[in-house]
PDB file of N, CA and C in Angstrom:
ATOM      1  N   LYS A   1     137.048 170.235 177.796  1.00  0.00           N
ATOM      2  CA  LYS A   1     135.744 169.772 178.204  1.00  0.00           C
ATOM      3  C   LYS A   1     134.815 170.936 178.545  1.00  0.00           C
ATOM      4  N   HIS A   2     135.342 172.041 179.062  1.00  0.00           N
ATOM      5  CA  HIS A   2     134.506 173.176 179.460  1.00  0.00           C
ATOM      6  C   HIS A   2     134.376 174.231 178.363  1.00  0.00           C
ATOM      7  N   PHE A   3     135.268 174.175 177.381  1.00  0.00           N
ATOM      8  CA  PHE A   3     135.245 175.145 176.293  1.00  0.00           C
ATOM      9  C   PHE A   3     135.186 174.408 174.968  1.00  0.00           C
ATOM     10  N   ARG A   4     134.608 175.061 173.977  1.00  0.00           N
ATOM     11  CA  ARG A   4     134.572 174.486 172.628  1.00  0.00           C
ATOM     12  C   ARG A   4     135.060 175.537 171.643  1.00  0.00           C
ATOM     13  N   ASN A   5     135.292 175.093 170.437  1.00  0.00           N
ATOM     14  CA  ASN A   5     135.764 175.993 169.375  1.00  0.00           C
ATOM     15  C   ASN A   5     137.018 176.757 169.792  1.00  0.00           C
ATOM     16  N   LEU A   6     137.958 176.082 170.433  1.00  0.00           N
ATOM     17  CA  LEU A   6     139.202 176.727 170.858  1.00  0.00           C
ATOM     18  C   LEU A   6     140.042 177.073 169.632  1.00  0.00           C
ATOM     19  N   ARG A   7     140.525 178.317 169.608  1.00  0.00           N
ATOM     20  CA  ARG A   7     141.341 178.794 168.496  1.00  0.00           C
ATOM     21  C   ARG A   7     142.558 179.504 169.049  1.00  0.00           C
ATOM     22  N   LEU A   8     143.720 179.004 168.704  1.00  0.00           N
ATOM     23  CA  LEU A   8     144.976 179.635 169.089  1.00  0.00           C
ATOM     24  C   LEU A   8     145.124 180.920 168.278  1.00  0.00           C
ATOM     25  N   LEU A   9     145.356 182.026 168.970  1.00  0.00           N
ATOM     26  CA  LEU A   9     145.528 183.300 168.275  1.00  0.00           C
ATOM     27  C   LEU A   9     146.968 183.469 167.824  1.00  0.00           C
ATOM     28  N   ASP A  10     147.132 184.139 166.708  1.00  0.00           N
ATOM     29  CA  ASP A  10     148.447 184.606 166.295  1.00  0.00           C
ATOM     30  C   ASP A  10     148.708 185.831 167.162  1.00  0.00           C
ATOM     31  N   LYS A  11     149.477 185.643 168.233  1.00  0.00           N
ATOM     32  CA  LYS A  11     149.684 186.692 169.223  1.00  0.00           C
ATOM     33  C   LYS A  11     150.240 187.969 168.603  1.00  0.00           C
ATOM     34  N   GLY A  12     151.198 187.846 167.717  1.00  0.00           N
ATOM     35  CA  GLY A  12     151.789 189.017 167.083  1.00  0.00           C
ATOM     36  C   GLY A  12     150.771 189.810 166.289  1.00  0.00           C
ATOM     37  N   GLN A  13     149.976 189.121 165.502  1.00  0.00           N
ATOM     38  CA  GLN A  13     148.958 189.791 164.693  1.00  0.00           C
ATOM     39  C   GLN A  13     147.894 190.430 165.587  1.00  0.00           C
ATOM     40  N   TYR A  14     147.444 189.695 166.595  1.00  0.00           N
ATOM     41  CA  TYR A  14     146.435 190.225 167.510  1.00  0.00           C
ATOM     42  C   TYR A  14     146.945 191.478 168.226  1.00  0.00           C
ATOM     43  N   LEU A  15     148.164 191.395 168.766  1.00  0.00           N
ATOM     44  CA  LEU A  15     148.700 192.534 169.510  1.00  0.00           C
ATOM     45  C   LEU A  15     149.000 193.728 168.608  1.00  0.00           C
ATOM     46  N   GLN A  16     149.326 193.480 167.351  1.00  0.00           N
ATOM     47  CA  GLN A  16     149.506 194.586 166.417  1.00  0.00           C
ATOM     48  C   GLN A  16     148.185 195.324 166.221  1.00  0.00           C
ATOM     49  N   GLN A  17     147.081 194.587 166.117  1.00  0.00           N
ATOM     50  CA  GLN A  17     145.766 195.211 166.003  1.00  0.00           C
ATOM     51  C   GLN A  17     145.438 196.025 167.259  1.00  0.00           C
ATOM     52  N   VAL A  18     145.767 195.462 168.419  1.00  0.00           N
ATOM     53  CA  VAL A  18     145.550 196.173 169.673  1.00  0.00           C
ATOM     54  C   VAL A  18     146.329 197.481 169.669  1.00  0.00           C
ATOM     55  N   LEU A  19     147.589 197.402 169.301  1.00  0.00           N
ATOM     56  CA  LEU A  19     148.450 198.590 169.273  1.00  0.00           C
ATOM     57  C   LEU A  19     147.934 199.637 168.293  1.00  0.00           C
ATOM     58  N   ASP A  20     147.429 199.180 167.140  1.00  0.00           N
ATOM     59  CA  ASP A  20     146.912 200.101 166.133  1.00  0.00           C
ATOM     60  C   ASP A  20     145.617 200.784 166.575  1.00  0.00           C
ATOM     61  N   GLN A  21     144.835 200.119 167.412  1.00  0.00           N
ATOM     62  CA  GLN A  21     143.505 200.622 167.748  1.00  0.00           C
ATOM     63  C   GLN A  21     143.376 201.231 169.143  1.00  0.00           C
ATOM     64  N   HIS A  22     144.354 201.010 170.000  1.00  0.00           N
ATOM     65  CA  HIS A  22     144.208 201.430 171.389  1.00  0.00           C
ATOM     66  C   HIS A  22     145.478 202.100 171.902  1.00  0.00           C
ATOM     67  N   ASP A  23     145.278 203.001 172.843  1.00  0.00           N
ATOM     68  CA  ASP A  23     146.404 203.639 173.508  1.00  0.00           C
ATOM     69  C   ASP A  23     146.946 202.664 174.547  1.00  0.00           C
ATOM     70  N   ILE A  24     148.193 202.286 174.403  1.00  0.00           N
ATOM     71  CA  ILE A  24     148.778 201.295 175.298  1.00  0.00           C
ATOM     72  C   ILE A  24     150.185 201.750 175.681  1.00  0.00           C
ATOM     73  N   SER A  25     150.474 201.654 176.950  1.00  0.00           N
ATOM     74  CA  SER A  25     151.779 202.107 177.433  1.00  0.00           C
ATOM     75  C   SER A  25     152.859 201.089 177.092  1.00  0.00           C
ATOM     76  N   SER A  26     154.084 201.527 177.196  1.00  0.00           N
ATOM     77  CA  SER A  26     155.218 200.642 176.942  1.00  0.00           C
ATOM     78  C   SER A  26     155.241 199.469 177.913  1.00  0.00           C
ATOM     79  N   SER A  27     154.956 199.720 179.190  1.00  0.00           N
ATOM     80  CA  SER A  27     154.973 198.629 180.174  1.00  0.00           C
ATOM     81  C   SER A  27     153.824 197.648 179.921  1.00  0.00           C
ATOM     82  N   GLU A  28     152.659 198.160 179.499  1.00  0.00           N
ATOM     83  CA  GLU A  28     151.543 197.259 179.170  1.00  0.00           C
ATOM     84  C   GLU A  28     151.892 196.415 177.949  1.00  0.00           C
ATOM     85  N   TRP A  29     152.513 197.039 176.966  1.00  0.00           N
ATOM     86  CA  TRP A  29     152.925 196.316 175.760  1.00  0.00           C
ATOM     87  C   TRP A  29     153.880 195.177 176.127  1.00  0.00           C
ATOM     88  N   LYS A  30     154.848 195.467 176.992  1.00  0.00           N
ATOM     89  CA  LYS A  30     155.802 194.436 177.412  1.00  0.00           C
ATOM     90  C   LYS A  30     155.097 193.289 178.111  1.00  0.00           C
ATOM     91  N   GLN A  31     154.099 193.602 178.929  1.00  0.00           N
ATOM     92  CA  GLN A  31     153.331 192.549 179.598  1.00  0.00           C
ATOM     93  C   GLN A  31     152.606 191.667 178.575  1.00  0.00           C
ATOM     94  N   LEU A  32     151.926 192.299 177.639  1.00  0.00           N
ATOM     95  CA  LEU A  32     151.125 191.534 176.680  1.00  0.00           C
ATOM     96  C   LEU A  32     151.980 190.726 175.722  1.00  0.00           C
ATOM     97  N   ILE A  33     153.070 191.299 175.262  1.00  0.00           N
ATOM     98  CA  ILE A  33     153.922 190.576 174.317  1.00  0.00           C
ATOM     99  C   ILE A  33     154.591 189.379 174.997  1.00  0.00           C
ATOM    100  N   SER A  34     154.668 189.418 176.328  1.00  0.00           N
ATOM    101  CA  SER A  34     155.276 188.324 177.080  1.00  0.00           C
ATOM    102  C   SER A  34     154.291 187.203 177.399  1.00  0.00           C
ATOM    103  N   ALA A  35     153.022 187.388 177.098  1.00  0.00           N
ATOM    104  CA  ALA A  35     152.038 186.315 177.326  1.00  0.00           C
ATOM    105  C   ALA A  35     152.456 185.091 176.511  1.00  0.00           C
ATOM    106  N   GLU A  36     152.347 183.948 177.118  1.00  0.00           N
ATOM    107  CA  GLU A  36     152.823 182.739 176.436  1.00  0.00           C
ATOM    108  C   GLU A  36     151.864 182.241 175.372  1.00  0.00           C
ATOM    109  N   VAL A  37     150.577 182.257 175.671  1.00  0.00           N
ATOM    110  CA  VAL A  37     149.583 181.744 174.731  1.00  0.00           C
ATOM    111  C   VAL A  37     148.317 182.577 174.868  1.00  0.00           C
ATOM    112  N   MET A  38     147.656 182.832 173.746  1.00  0.00           N
ATOM    113  CA  MET A  38     146.344 183.472 173.745  1.00  0.00           C
ATOM    114  C   MET A  38     145.410 182.593 172.922  1.00  0.00           C
ATOM    115  N   VAL A  39     144.259 182.277 173.518  1.00  0.00           N
ATOM    116  CA  VAL A  39     143.303 181.360 172.901  1.00  0.00           C
ATOM    117  C   VAL A  39     141.906 181.950 173.032  1.00  0.00           C
ATOM    118  N   ARG A  40     141.114 181.849 171.967  1.00  0.00           N
ATOM    119  CA  ARG A  40     139.691 182.202 172.042  1.00  0.00           C
ATOM    120  C   ARG A  40     138.908 180.900 172.119  1.00  0.00           C
ATOM    121  N   GLY A  41     137.851 180.927 172.899  1.00  0.00           N
ATOM    122  CA  GLY A  41     136.999 179.753 173.000  1.00  0.00           C
ATOM    123  C   GLY A  41     135.651 180.124 173.580  1.00  0.00           C
ATOM    124  N   THR A  42     134.692 179.259 173.360  1.00  0.00           N
ATOM    125  CA  THR A  42     133.327 179.465 173.823  1.00  0.00           C
ATOM    126  C   THR A  42     133.048 178.519 174.985  1.00  0.00           C
ATOM    127  N   HIS A  43     132.562 179.080 176.097  1.00  0.00           N
ATOM    128  CA  HIS A  43     132.227 178.263 177.256  1.00  0.00           C
ATOM    129  C   HIS A  43     131.007 177.413 176.915  1.00  0.00           C
ATOM    130  N   ARG A  44     131.115 176.119 177.176  1.00  0.00           N
ATOM    131  CA  ARG A  44     130.050 175.188 176.795  1.00  0.00           C
ATOM    132  C   ARG A  44     128.704 175.514 177.425  1.00  0.00           C
ATOM    133  N   ASN A  45     128.680 175.884 178.683  1.00  0.00           N
ATOM    134  CA  ASN A  45     127.409 176.108 179.378  1.00  0.00           C
ATOM    135  C   ASN A  45     126.803 177.472 179.094  1.00  0.00           C
ATOM    136  N   SER A  46     127.625 178.511 179.128  1.00  0.00           N
ATOM    137  CA  SER A  46     127.085 179.873 178.984  1.00  0.00           C
ATOM    138  C   SER A  46     127.016 180.334 177.532  1.00  0.00           C
ATOM    139  N   GLY A  47     127.835 179.738 176.659  1.00  0.00           N
ATOM    140  CA  GLY A  47     127.901 180.196 175.276  1.00  0.00           C
ATOM    141  C   GLY A  47     128.714 181.465 175.106  1.00  0.00           C
ATOM    142  N   LYS A  48     129.273 181.978 176.199  1.00  0.00           N
ATOM    143  CA  LYS A  48     130.057 183.207 176.157  1.00  0.00           C
ATOM    144  C   LYS A  48     131.451 182.930 175.602  1.00  0.00           C
ATOM    145  N   GLU A  49     131.927 183.833 174.729  1.00  0.00           N
ATOM    146  CA  GLU A  49     133.271 183.690 174.185  1.00  0.00           C
ATOM    147  C   GLU A  49     134.278 184.382 175.097  1.00  0.00           C
ATOM    148  N   TYR A  50     135.396 183.715 175.312  1.00  0.00           N
ATOM    149  CA  TYR A  50     136.470 184.247 176.153  1.00  0.00           C
ATOM    150  C   TYR A  50     137.750 184.361 175.344  1.00  0.00           C
ATOM    151  N   LEU A  51     138.540 185.369 175.709  1.00  0.00           N
ATOM    152  CA  LEU A  51     139.926 185.450 175.259  1.00  0.00           C
ATOM    153  C   LEU A  51     140.753 185.014 176.459  1.00  0.00           C
ATOM    154  N   MET A  52     141.383 183.866 176.356  1.00  0.00           N
ATOM    155  CA  MET A  52     142.160 183.308 177.462  1.00  0.00           C
ATOM    156  C   MET A  52     143.628 183.651 177.289  1.00  0.00           C
ATOM    157  N   VAL A  53     144.201 184.214 178.351  1.00  0.00           N
ATOM    158  CA  VAL A  53     145.610 184.608 178.363  1.00  0.00           C
ATOM    159  C   VAL A  53     146.333 183.647 179.293  1.00  0.00           C
ATOM    160  N   TRP A  54     147.222 182.842 178.724  1.00  0.00           N
ATOM    161  CA  TRP A  54     147.851 181.738 179.445  1.00  0.00           C
ATOM    162  C   TRP A  54     149.259 182.060 179.912  1.00  0.00           C
ATOM    163  N   GLU A  55     149.544 181.568 181.100  1.00  0.00           N
ATOM    164  CA  GLU A  55     150.902 181.520 181.651  1.00  0.00           C
ATOM    165  C   GLU A  55     151.156 180.041 181.945  1.00  0.00           C
ATOM    166  N   VAL A  56     152.224 179.494 181.389  1.00  0.00           N
ATOM    167  CA  VAL A  56     152.485 178.064 181.503  1.00  0.00           C
ATOM    168  C   VAL A  56     153.806 177.835 182.226  1.00  0.00           C
ATOM    169  N   SER A  57     153.782 176.976 183.246  1.00  0.00           N
ATOM    170  CA  SER A  57     154.987 176.610 184.004  1.00  0.00           C
ATOM    171  C   SER A  57     154.875 175.154 184.420  1.00  0.00           C
ATOM    172  N   TRP A  58     156.009 174.513 184.633  1.00  0.00           N
ATOM    173  CA  TRP A  58     155.985 173.140 185.113  1.00  0.00           C
ATOM    174  C   TRP A  58     155.266 173.091 186.469  1.00  0.00           C
ATOM    175  N   ILE A  59     155.713 173.940 187.399  1.00  0.00           N
ATOM    176  CA  ILE A  59     155.023 174.119 188.677  1.00  0.00           C
ATOM    177  C   ILE A  59     154.556 175.574 188.730  1.00  0.00           C
ATOM    178  N   VAL A  60     153.253 175.779 188.744  1.00  0.00           N
ATOM    179  CA  VAL A  60     152.683 177.127 188.771  1.00  0.00           C
ATOM    180  C   VAL A  60     152.913 177.727 190.151  1.00  0.00           C
ATOM    181  N   ASP A  61     153.487 178.934 190.163  1.00  0.00           N
ATOM    182  CA  ASP A  61     153.677 179.620 191.441  1.00  0.00           C
ATOM    183  C   ASP A  61     152.876 180.922 191.434  1.00  0.00           C
ATOM    184  N   ARG A  62     152.937 181.619 192.545  1.00  0.00           N
ATOM    185  CA  ARG A  62     152.158 182.855 192.710  1.00  0.00           C
ATOM    186  C   ARG A  62     152.505 183.884 191.632  1.00  0.00           C
ATOM    187  N   ASN A  63     153.764 183.979 191.228  1.00  0.00           N
ATOM    188  CA  ASN A  63     154.158 184.926 190.183  1.00  0.00           C
ATOM    189  C   ASN A  63     153.462 184.615 188.859  1.00  0.00           C
ATOM    190  N   ASP A  64     153.315 183.345 188.534  1.00  0.00           N
ATOM    191  CA  ASP A  64     152.615 182.953 187.306  1.00  0.00           C
ATOM    192  C   ASP A  64     151.163 183.423 187.348  1.00  0.00           C
ATOM    193  N   VAL A  65     150.518 183.212 188.478  1.00  0.00           N
ATOM    194  CA  VAL A  65     149.123 183.617 188.653  1.00  0.00           C
ATOM    195  C   VAL A  65     149.005 185.132 188.518  1.00  0.00           C
ATOM    196  N   GLU A  66     149.895 185.855 189.164  1.00  0.00           N
ATOM    197  CA  GLU A  66     149.847 187.324 189.118  1.00  0.00           C
ATOM    198  C   GLU A  66     150.096 187.851 187.707  1.00  0.00           C
ATOM    199  N   ARG A  67     151.027 187.227 186.971  1.00  0.00           N
ATOM    200  CA  ARG A  67     151.284 187.662 185.589  1.00  0.00           C
ATOM    201  C   ARG A  67     150.053 187.432 184.711  1.00  0.00           C
ATOM    202  N   ALA A  68     149.450 186.255 184.818  1.00  0.00           N
ATOM    203  CA  ALA A  68     148.256 185.958 184.009  1.00  0.00           C
ATOM    204  C   ALA A  68     147.132 186.935 184.336  1.00  0.00           C
ATOM    205  N   GLU A  69     146.924 187.191 185.616  1.00  0.00           N
ATOM    206  CA  GLU A  69     145.863 188.105 186.033  1.00  0.00           C
ATOM    207  C   GLU A  69     146.142 189.526 185.554  1.00  0.00           C
ATOM    208  N   ARG A  70     147.377 189.974 185.664  1.00  0.00           N
ATOM    209  CA  ARG A  70     147.757 191.329 185.229  1.00  0.00           C
ATOM    210  C   ARG A  70     147.540 191.490 183.718  1.00  0.00           C
ATOM    211  N   ARG A  71     147.912 190.504 182.940  1.00  0.00           N
ATOM    212  CA  ARG A  71     147.758 190.584 181.483  1.00  0.00           C
ATOM    213  C   ARG A  71     146.287 190.581 181.090  1.00  0.00           C
ATOM    214  N   ALA A  72     145.491 189.748 181.753  1.00  0.00           N
ATOM    215  CA  ALA A  72     144.053 189.736 181.459  1.00  0.00           C
ATOM    216  C   ALA A  72     143.418 191.067 181.845  1.00  0.00           C
ATOM    217  N   ARG A  73     143.852 191.646 182.946  1.00  0.00           N
ATOM    218  CA  ARG A  73     143.312 192.940 183.391  1.00  0.00           C
ATOM    219  C   ARG A  73     143.596 194.028 182.346  1.00  0.00           C
ATOM    220  N   ILE A  74     144.795 194.030 181.782  1.00  0.00           N
ATOM    221  CA  ILE A  74     145.124 194.994 180.722  1.00  0.00           C
ATOM    222  C   ILE A  74     144.196 194.789 179.527  1.00  0.00           C
ATOM    223  N   LEU A  75     144.036 193.542 179.116  1.00  0.00           N
ATOM    224  CA  LEU A  75     143.208 193.240 177.943  1.00  0.00           C
ATOM    225  C   LEU A  75     141.739 193.564 178.157  1.00  0.00           C
ATOM    226  N   ARG A  76     141.265 193.510 179.383  1.00  0.00           N
ATOM    227  CA  ARG A  76     139.845 193.772 179.653  1.00  0.00           C
ATOM    228  C   ARG A  76     139.416 195.199 179.302  1.00  0.00           C
ATOM    229  N   ARG A  77     140.371 196.086 179.101  1.00  0.00           N
ATOM    230  CA  ARG A  77     140.007 197.439 178.675  1.00  0.00           C
ATOM    231  C   ARG A  77     139.264 197.406 177.349  1.00  0.00           C
ATOM    232  N   TRP A  78     139.589 196.491 176.459  1.00  0.00           N
ATOM    233  CA  TRP A  78     138.911 196.377 175.169  1.00  0.00           C
ATOM    234  C   TRP A  78     138.381 194.970 174.911  1.00  0.00           C
ATOM    235  N   GLU A  79     138.720 194.014 175.763  1.00  0.00           N
ATOM    236  CA  GLU A  79     138.230 192.636 175.677  1.00  0.00           C
ATOM    237  C   GLU A  79     137.638 192.271 177.045  1.00  0.00           C
ATOM    238  N   PRO A  80     136.394 192.659 177.309  1.00  0.00           N
ATOM    239  CA  PRO A  80     135.825 192.459 178.645  1.00  0.00           C
ATOM    240  C   PRO A  80     135.826 190.999 179.124  1.00  0.00           C
ATOM    241  N   SER A  81     135.883 190.070 178.196  1.00  0.00           N
ATOM    242  CA  SER A  81     135.841 188.665 178.593  1.00  0.00           C
ATOM    243  C   SER A  81     137.230 188.019 178.680  1.00  0.00           C
ATOM    244  N   ALA A  82     138.278 188.838 178.790  1.00  0.00           N
ATOM    245  CA  ALA A  82     139.631 188.280 178.922  1.00  0.00           C
ATOM    246  C   ALA A  82     139.708 187.474 180.219  1.00  0.00           C
ATOM    247  N   LEU A  83     140.207 186.255 180.107  1.00  0.00           N
ATOM    248  CA  LEU A  83     140.250 185.322 181.230  1.00  0.00           C
ATOM    249  C   LEU A  83     141.685 184.880 181.472  1.00  0.00           C
ATOM    250  N   PRO A  84     142.205 185.107 182.675  1.00  0.00           N
ATOM    251  CA  PRO A  84     143.564 184.635 182.970  1.00  0.00           C
ATOM    252  C   PRO A  84     143.566 183.132 183.219  1.00  0.00           C
ATOM    253  N   VAL A  85     144.587 182.463 182.672  1.00  0.00           N
ATOM    254  CA  VAL A  85     144.716 181.019 182.805  1.00  0.00           C
ATOM    255  C   VAL A  85     146.163 180.697 183.156  1.00  0.00           C
ATOM    256  N   VAL A  86     146.349 179.799 184.122  1.00  0.00           N
ATOM    257  CA  VAL A  86     147.671 179.238 184.386  1.00  0.00           C
ATOM    258  C   VAL A  86     147.579 177.740 184.181  1.00  0.00           C
ATOM    259  N   ALA A  87     148.657 177.172 183.666  1.00  0.00           N
ATOM    260  CA  ALA A  87     148.666 175.741 183.393  1.00  0.00           C
ATOM    261  C   ALA A  87     150.018 175.165 183.768  1.00  0.00           C
ATOM    262  N   GLY A  88     149.986 173.946 184.263  1.00  0.00           N
ATOM    263  CA  GLY A  88     151.222 173.275 184.618  1.00  0.00           C
ATOM    264  C   GLY A  88     150.976 171.868 185.114  1.00  0.00           C
ATOM    265  N   ASN A  89     152.031 171.255 185.571  1.00  0.00           N
ATOM    266  CA  ASN A  89     151.948 169.906 186.102  1.00  0.00           C
ATOM    267  C   ASN A  89     151.527 169.912 187.571  1.00  0.00           C
ATOM    268  N   GLY A  90     151.829 171.031 188.255  1.00  0.00           N
ATOM    269  CA  GLY A  90     151.479 171.178 189.660  1.00  0.00           C
ATOM    270  C   GLY A  90     151.352 172.648 190.002  1.00  0.00           C
ATOM    271  N   ILE A  91     150.924 172.920 191.235  1.00  0.00           N
ATOM    272  CA  ILE A  91     150.727 174.305 191.672  1.00  0.00           C
ATOM    273  C   ILE A  91     151.091 174.414 193.147  1.00  0.00           C
ATOM    274  N   THR A  92     151.720 175.522 193.504  1.00  0.00           N
ATOM    275  CA  THR A  92     152.052 175.750 194.907  1.00  0.00           C
ATOM    276  C   THR A  92     150.791 176.174 195.658  1.00  0.00           C
ATOM    277  N   ALA A  93     150.812 176.026 196.970  1.00  0.00           N
ATOM    278  CA  ALA A  93     149.659 176.404 197.788  1.00  0.00           C
ATOM    279  C   ALA A  93     149.362 177.895 197.662  1.00  0.00           C
ATOM    280  N   SER A  94     150.407 178.728 197.671  1.00  0.00           N
ATOM    281  CA  SER A  94     150.168 180.173 197.567  1.00  0.00           C
ATOM    282  C   SER A  94     149.619 180.548 196.189  1.00  0.00           C
ATOM    283  N   ALA A  95     150.022 179.836 195.157  1.00  0.00           N
ATOM    284  CA  ALA A  95     149.497 180.102 193.814  1.00  0.00           C
ATOM    285  C   ALA A  95     148.028 179.688 193.734  1.00  0.00           C
ATOM    286  N   HIS A  96     147.691 178.578 194.327  1.00  0.00           N
ATOM    287  CA  HIS A  96     146.307 178.113 194.343  1.00  0.00           C
ATOM    288  C   HIS A  96     145.419 179.134 195.054  1.00  0.00           C
ATOM    289  N   GLU A  97     145.903 179.631 196.163  1.00  0.00           N
ATOM    290  CA  GLU A  97     145.170 180.650 196.926  1.00  0.00           C
ATOM    291  C   GLU A  97     145.001 181.925 196.099  1.00  0.00           C
ATOM    292  N   ALA A  98     146.070 182.363 195.448  1.00  0.00           N
ATOM    293  CA  ALA A  98     146.008 183.571 194.620  1.00  0.00           C
ATOM    294  C   ALA A  98     145.056 183.372 193.443  1.00  0.00           C
ATOM    295  N   ALA A  99     145.047 182.189 192.845  1.00  0.00           N
ATOM    296  CA  ALA A  99     144.144 181.908 191.722  1.00  0.00           C
ATOM    297  C   ALA A  99     142.691 182.015 192.174  1.00  0.00           C
ATOM    298  N   GLN A 100     142.393 181.484 193.345  1.00  0.00           N
ATOM    299  CA  GLN A 100     141.035 181.594 193.880  1.00  0.00           C
ATOM    300  C   GLN A 100     140.671 183.048 194.121  1.00  0.00           C
ATOM    301  N   LEU A 101     141.576 183.792 194.697  1.00  0.00           N
ATOM    302  CA  LEU A 101     141.344 185.199 195.033  1.00  0.00           C
ATOM    303  C   LEU A 101     141.107 186.057 193.789  1.00  0.00           C
ATOM    304  N   HIS A 102     141.857 185.793 192.717  1.00  0.00           N
ATOM    305  CA  HIS A 102     141.815 186.639 191.521  1.00  0.00           C
ATOM    306  C   HIS A 102     141.004 186.055 190.368  1.00  0.00           C
ATOM    307  N   GLY A 103     140.358 184.915 190.559  1.00  0.00           N
ATOM    308  CA  GLY A 103     139.544 184.330 189.495  1.00  0.00           C
ATOM    309  C   GLY A 103     140.342 183.843 188.315  1.00  0.00           C
ATOM    310  N   VAL A 104     141.489 183.226 188.593  1.00  0.00           N
ATOM    311  CA  VAL A 104     142.349 182.709 187.537  1.00  0.00           C
ATOM    312  C   VAL A 104     142.041 181.222 187.339  1.00  0.00           C
ATOM    313  N   LEU A 105     141.783 180.842 186.100  1.00  0.00           N
ATOM    314  CA  LEU A 105     141.510 179.449 185.772  1.00  0.00           C
ATOM    315  C   LEU A 105     142.812 178.660 185.865  1.00  0.00           C
ATOM    316  N   VAL A 106     142.781 177.521 186.543  1.00  0.00           N
ATOM    317  CA  VAL A 106     143.972 176.691 186.740  1.00  0.00           C
ATOM    318  C   VAL A 106     143.770 175.369 186.015  1.00  0.00           C
ATOM    319  N   ILE A 107     144.738 175.016 185.174  1.00  0.00           N
ATOM    320  CA  ILE A 107     144.716 173.732 184.481  1.00  0.00           C
ATOM    321  C   ILE A 107     145.975 172.980 184.895  1.00  0.00           C
ATOM    322  N   LEU A 108     145.762 171.831 185.536  1.00  0.00           N
ATOM    323  CA  LEU A 108     146.872 171.018 186.015  1.00  0.00           C
ATOM    324  C   LEU A 108     146.868 169.679 185.296  1.00  0.00           C
ATOM    325  N   ASP A 109     147.978 169.386 184.658  1.00  0.00           N
ATOM    326  CA  ASP A 109     148.115 168.113 183.960  1.00  0.00           C
ATOM    327  C   ASP A 109     146.901 167.846 183.080  1.00  0.00           C
ATOM    328  N   THR A 110     146.467 168.877 182.361  1.00  0.00           N
ATOM    329  CA  THR A 110     145.354 168.916 181.408  1.00  0.00           C
ATOM    330  C   THR A 110     143.972 168.842 182.059  1.00  0.00           C
ATOM    331  N   LEU A 111     143.870 168.915 183.393  1.00  0.00           N
ATOM    332  CA  LEU A 111     142.574 168.922 184.066  1.00  0.00           C
ATOM    333  C   LEU A 111     142.330 170.294 184.679  1.00  0.00           C
ATOM    334  N   ILE A 112     141.117 170.784 184.555  1.00  0.00           N
ATOM    335  CA  ILE A 112     140.782 172.083 185.117  1.00  0.00           C
ATOM    336  C   ILE A 112     140.541 171.933 186.609  1.00  0.00           C
ATOM    337  N   ALA A 113     141.273 172.701 187.396  1.00  0.00           N
ATOM    338  CA  ALA A 113     141.106 172.687 188.847  1.00  0.00           C
ATOM    339  C   ALA A 113     139.951 173.607 189.223  1.00  0.00           C
ATOM    340  N   ASP A 114     139.269 173.278 190.285  1.00  0.00           N
ATOM    341  CA  ASP A 114     138.123 174.076 190.726  1.00  0.00           C
ATOM    342  C   ASP A 114     138.617 175.222 191.598  1.00  0.00           C
ATOM    343  N   THR A 115     138.997 176.343 190.956  1.00  0.00           N
ATOM    344  CA  THR A 115     139.497 177.498 191.706  1.00  0.00           C
ATOM    345  C   THR A 115     138.746 178.771 191.398  1.00  0.00           C
ATOM    346  N   THR A 116     137.867 178.748 190.405  1.00  0.00           N
ATOM    347  CA  THR A 116     137.231 180.001 190.017  1.00  0.00           C
ATOM    348  C   THR A 116     135.787 179.771 189.591  1.00  0.00           C
ATOM    349  N   SER A 117     134.980 180.740 189.835  1.00  0.00           N
ATOM    350  CA  SER A 117     133.601 180.690 189.337  1.00  0.00           C
ATOM    351  C   SER A 117     133.420 181.641 188.161  1.00  0.00           C
ATOM    352  N   ARG A 118     134.457 182.380 187.797  1.00  0.00           N
ATOM    353  CA  ARG A 118     134.370 183.384 186.732  1.00  0.00           C
ATOM    354  C   ARG A 118     133.854 182.771 185.430  1.00  0.00           C
ATOM    355  N   ALA A 119     134.355 181.626 185.020  1.00  0.00           N
ATOM    356  CA  ALA A 119     133.990 181.059 183.713  1.00  0.00           C
ATOM    357  C   ALA A 119     132.992 179.925 183.849  1.00  0.00           C
ATOM    358  N   GLN A 120     132.448 179.726 185.012  1.00  0.00           N
ATOM    359  CA  GLN A 120     131.537 178.585 185.166  1.00  0.00           C
ATOM    360  C   GLN A 120     130.105 178.969 185.223  1.00  0.00           C
TER     361      GLN A 120
END
């Protein structure tokens, strides 16, 4: 509802391009290759395109939020609009707090939770 033109990226192909074009450490590579889903989409209101880096868990915890945020932070070196996203059926209180603190978009049971102003 908040994004349009969503396109699932071929993570392997995308990350190969990143590796070919940018200096990236082994630990950064491990973080990025471990991302569960990468999606490009355009925000309906702003028209801005985002690269969304997803971490998906049944119950989102603080570690999920931190992983998504860390991966988006790495990508922002060459993708300034990289947006961390966590998705799940539920979220712990500490994860919700961390998502608010770090501007991580939270999607619960396919509904976007109001935790960030970054993409709004």
